[in-house]
Protein backbone atom coordinates (compact mmCIF):
# COMPACT_ATOMS: atom_id res chain seq x y z
CA UNK A 1 219.43 111.54 -89.75
CA UNK A 2 221.97 111.44 -92.51
CA UNK A 3 224.56 113.89 -93.42
CA UNK A 4 227.87 113.87 -95.31
CA UNK A 5 230.02 111.94 -92.69
CA UNK A 6 230.79 109.17 -94.84
CA UNK A 7 231.28 111.42 -97.89
CA UNK A 8 233.87 113.39 -95.81
CA UNK A 9 236.02 110.44 -94.67
CA UNK A 10 236.12 109.08 -98.65
CA UNK A 11 237.31 112.79 -99.69
CA UNK A 12 239.83 112.39 -97.14
CA UNK A 13 240.88 109.10 -99.00
CA UNK A 14 241.51 110.72 -102.03
CA UNK A 15 238.07 110.19 -103.62
CA UNK A 16 236.55 113.47 -105.11
CA UNK A 17 233.42 112.83 -107.01
CA UNK A 18 230.62 110.27 -104.48
CA UNK A 19 228.10 109.11 -106.19
CA UNK A 20 225.32 107.63 -103.66
CA UNK A 21 223.02 104.68 -104.68
CA UNK A 22 219.78 103.10 -103.94
CA UNK A 23 216.92 100.96 -105.18
CA UNK A 24 212.96 101.00 -105.06
CA UNK A 25 211.01 97.91 -105.96
CA UNK A 26 212.60 94.72 -104.63
CA UNK A 27 209.79 93.56 -102.70
CA UNK A 28 206.46 94.22 -104.63
CA UNK A 29 204.93 91.56 -106.96
CA UNK A 30 204.65 93.54 -109.98
CA UNK A 31 206.75 96.16 -112.01
CA UNK A 32 210.44 97.11 -112.45
CA UNK A 33 212.71 97.43 -109.52
CA UNK A 34 214.60 101.09 -110.04
CA UNK A 35 217.72 102.69 -108.85
CA UNK A 36 218.91 105.86 -108.23
CA UNK A 37 222.12 107.66 -108.21
CA UNK A 38 223.02 110.76 -107.01
CA UNK A 39 226.05 113.28 -106.83
CA UNK A 40 225.85 116.42 -104.34
CA UNK A 41 228.33 118.98 -103.78
CA UNK A 42 228.23 119.94 -100.26
CA UNK A 43 229.75 123.08 -101.18
CA UNK A 44 226.46 124.32 -103.14
CA UNK A 45 223.89 122.08 -101.85
CA UNK A 46 221.07 124.32 -100.51
CA UNK A 47 219.80 124.77 -96.70
CA UNK A 48 216.63 122.75 -97.52
CA UNK A 49 218.14 120.26 -98.81
CA UNK A 50 220.60 119.47 -96.52
CA UNK A 51 217.90 119.40 -93.78
CA UNK A 52 215.20 118.02 -95.87
CA UNK A 53 216.73 114.47 -97.54
CA UNK A 54 216.04 111.26 -95.38
CA UNK A 55 215.46 107.96 -96.09
CA UNK A 56 212.86 108.17 -98.67
CA UNK A 57 210.42 105.55 -96.80
CA UNK A 58 210.29 108.04 -93.80
CA UNK A 59 208.84 110.85 -96.31
CA UNK A 60 205.30 111.78 -97.42
CA UNK A 61 205.01 111.69 -101.25
CA UNK A 62 204.52 115.06 -101.69
CA UNK A 63 207.68 115.60 -100.05
CA UNK A 64 209.61 113.09 -101.82
CA UNK A 65 208.45 114.80 -105.21
CA UNK A 66 209.04 118.43 -103.89
CA UNK A 67 212.88 117.21 -102.92
CA UNK A 68 213.41 115.35 -106.29
CA UNK A 69 212.82 118.57 -108.19
CA UNK A 70 214.91 120.51 -106.14
CA UNK A 71 217.88 117.56 -106.60
CA UNK A 72 216.92 118.10 -110.22
CA UNK A 73 218.38 121.65 -109.83
CA UNK A 74 221.25 121.24 -107.50
CA UNK A 75 222.64 117.67 -108.13
CA UNK A 76 223.83 114.83 -110.83
CA UNK A 77 221.21 112.17 -111.03
CA UNK A 78 221.05 108.72 -112.97
CA UNK A 79 218.16 106.63 -113.09
CA UNK A 80 218.30 102.74 -113.76
CA UNK A 81 215.77 100.30 -114.03
CA UNK A 82 215.56 96.52 -114.54
CA UNK A 83 212.45 94.96 -116.39
CA UNK A 84 210.39 92.39 -114.91
CA UNK A 85 211.28 90.14 -117.82
CA UNK A 86 214.77 90.68 -116.36
CA UNK A 87 213.68 90.21 -112.76
CA UNK A 88 212.28 86.54 -113.55
CA UNK A 89 215.17 85.43 -115.75
CA UNK A 90 217.60 86.34 -113.30
CA UNK A 91 216.24 86.73 -110.05
CA UNK A 92 215.43 90.29 -108.06
CA UNK A 93 219.10 90.49 -106.51
CA UNK A 94 220.78 90.26 -110.23
CA UNK A 95 218.27 92.74 -111.33
CA UNK A 96 218.56 94.69 -108.67
CA UNK A 97 222.18 95.21 -108.88
CA UNK A 98 221.72 95.56 -112.86
CA UNK A 99 219.74 98.70 -111.52
CA UNK A 100 222.19 99.88 -109.78
CA UNK A 101 224.95 99.81 -112.37
CA UNK A 102 222.82 101.30 -115.00
CA UNK A 103 221.79 104.58 -112.86
CA UNK A 104 225.39 105.10 -111.93
CA UNK A 105 226.34 104.85 -115.67
CA UNK A 106 223.70 107.13 -116.64
CA UNK A 107 225.12 109.73 -114.60
CA UNK A 108 226.91 112.44 -117.00
CA UNK A 109 229.86 112.68 -114.76
CA UNK A 110 232.42 109.52 -114.15
CA UNK A 111 232.67 108.92 -110.50
CA UNK A 112 235.24 108.24 -108.15
CA UNK A 113 233.48 106.19 -105.74
CA UNK A 114 229.59 104.57 -105.30
CA UNK A 115 228.14 104.16 -102.04
CA UNK A 116 225.84 101.72 -102.32
CA UNK A 117 222.78 101.29 -99.40
CA UNK A 118 222.52 97.55 -98.32
CA UNK A 119 225.41 94.64 -97.81
CA UNK A 120 226.60 94.16 -101.85
CA UNK A 121 227.70 96.31 -104.31
CA UNK A 122 227.25 95.80 -108.45
CA UNK A 123 229.93 95.43 -110.48
CA UNK A 124 231.09 98.88 -111.37
CA UNK A 125 233.73 100.59 -113.24
CA UNK A 126 234.43 102.73 -110.06
CA UNK A 127 235.13 101.38 -106.51
CA UNK A 128 232.06 100.76 -104.49
CA UNK A 129 231.05 100.99 -100.92
CA UNK A 130 228.23 98.71 -99.20
CA UNK A 131 226.44 100.53 -96.41
CA UNK A 132 223.69 99.07 -94.53
CA UNK A 133 220.81 101.37 -94.08
CA UNK A 134 222.77 103.85 -95.91
CA UNK A 135 219.70 106.11 -96.56
CA UNK A 136 219.30 106.92 -92.94
CA UNK A 137 223.52 107.88 -92.78
CA UNK A 138 224.67 109.36 -96.05
CA UNK A 139 223.28 112.39 -97.46
CA UNK A 140 223.98 111.28 -101.21
CA UNK A 141 222.58 108.06 -100.62
CA UNK A 142 219.29 109.53 -99.14
CA UNK A 143 219.14 111.64 -102.20
CA UNK A 144 219.51 108.20 -104.45
CA UNK A 145 216.58 106.94 -102.63
CA UNK A 146 214.33 109.72 -103.25
CA UNK A 147 215.53 109.77 -106.93
CA UNK A 148 214.41 105.87 -107.61
CA UNK A 149 211.10 105.28 -105.01
CA UNK A 150 209.50 108.66 -107.01
CA UNK A 151 210.44 107.45 -110.31
CA UNK A 152 209.24 104.11 -109.55
CA UNK A 153 205.87 105.39 -108.30
CA UNK A 154 205.15 107.26 -111.15
CA UNK A 155 205.88 104.18 -113.44
CA UNK A 156 203.46 102.28 -111.11
CA UNK A 157 200.78 105.05 -111.44
CA UNK A 158 201.01 104.89 -115.36
CA UNK A 159 201.07 101.04 -115.63
CA UNK A 160 197.73 101.35 -112.91
CA UNK A 161 196.06 103.53 -115.63
CA UNK A 162 196.45 100.64 -117.96
CA UNK A 163 195.41 98.03 -115.84
CA UNK A 164 192.73 99.39 -113.18
CA UNK A 165 191.50 97.61 -110.13
CA UNK A 166 195.08 96.61 -108.86
CA UNK A 167 195.81 99.63 -106.99
CA UNK A 168 199.30 100.33 -108.06
CA UNK A 169 199.01 103.85 -107.98
CA UNK A 170 198.62 103.42 -104.12
CA UNK A 171 200.24 100.02 -103.23
CA UNK A 172 202.80 100.62 -105.65
CA UNK A 173 202.83 97.00 -106.31
CA UNK A 174 202.94 95.32 -103.02
CA UNK A 175 200.81 92.30 -102.12
CA UNK A 176 198.15 93.98 -100.45
CA UNK A 177 194.57 92.70 -99.56
CA UNK A 178 193.30 94.99 -102.70
CA UNK A 179 195.85 93.75 -104.78
CA UNK A 180 195.33 89.91 -103.94
CA UNK A 181 191.80 90.54 -104.33
CA UNK A 182 192.28 92.00 -107.82
CA UNK A 183 194.61 89.11 -108.71
CA UNK A 184 191.95 86.34 -107.29
CA UNK A 185 189.42 88.56 -109.92
CA UNK A 186 191.47 89.29 -112.94
CA UNK A 187 194.34 87.33 -112.79
CA UNK A 188 197.89 87.97 -113.48
CA UNK A 189 199.11 90.56 -115.97
CA UNK A 190 202.04 91.00 -118.26
CA UNK A 191 203.65 92.95 -116.00
CA UNK A 192 203.73 90.61 -112.40
CA UNK A 193 206.79 89.26 -111.81
CA UNK A 194 206.17 85.33 -112.39
CA UNK A 195 209.12 84.18 -110.39
CA UNK A 196 207.36 85.57 -107.06
CA UNK A 197 205.99 82.58 -105.04
CA UNK A 198 202.63 84.44 -104.67
CA UNK A 199 202.46 85.16 -108.72
CA UNK A 200 203.60 81.80 -109.14
CA UNK A 201 201.20 79.68 -107.19
CA UNK A 202 198.64 81.63 -108.57
CA UNK A 203 199.43 80.46 -112.03
CA UNK A 204 200.39 77.38 -111.19
CA UNK A 205 196.42 76.78 -109.61
CA UNK A 206 194.92 78.18 -112.30
């Protein structure tokens, strides 16, 4: 379970305002990539968040949504996204870094240190530390993962209303069997990532 060990070490090294940063949506075949950033105060974080926060992938949707509502009350959060057009123009890794930078920039408090889930850091206006599997180690990153995941799922549900049949409200744009069958039947939408191999093959074979 994540805790504040990494944040405590950082504070002992002089960093005061620490944000966790994580993304959702690197793997799907459509939709934006979304990043979340979260600043938590260990002194005031309620017990339910202290015990409930975890890697968003390990939590059910209802639990994630409830935690996000609590985070809005007890944390400083920021959201950033990079569009399908940016993913196709720059590649998914670069677009992910853009989304993360935007999430940090959208925090209403300047940050002394950003803890980034993964093995590389975006170009930020503050120091950053990459932490592999950070959403399972740092409470700040776990919070950011919930912000990113819930926000992106809502975006995909809205897109599903506009483009029914692809199952985005359930598969969040991942290449499930239902999504593949819908692509074969209805074709590629403006929200599909044309630089991704499965979509590119469909376009080239059309």
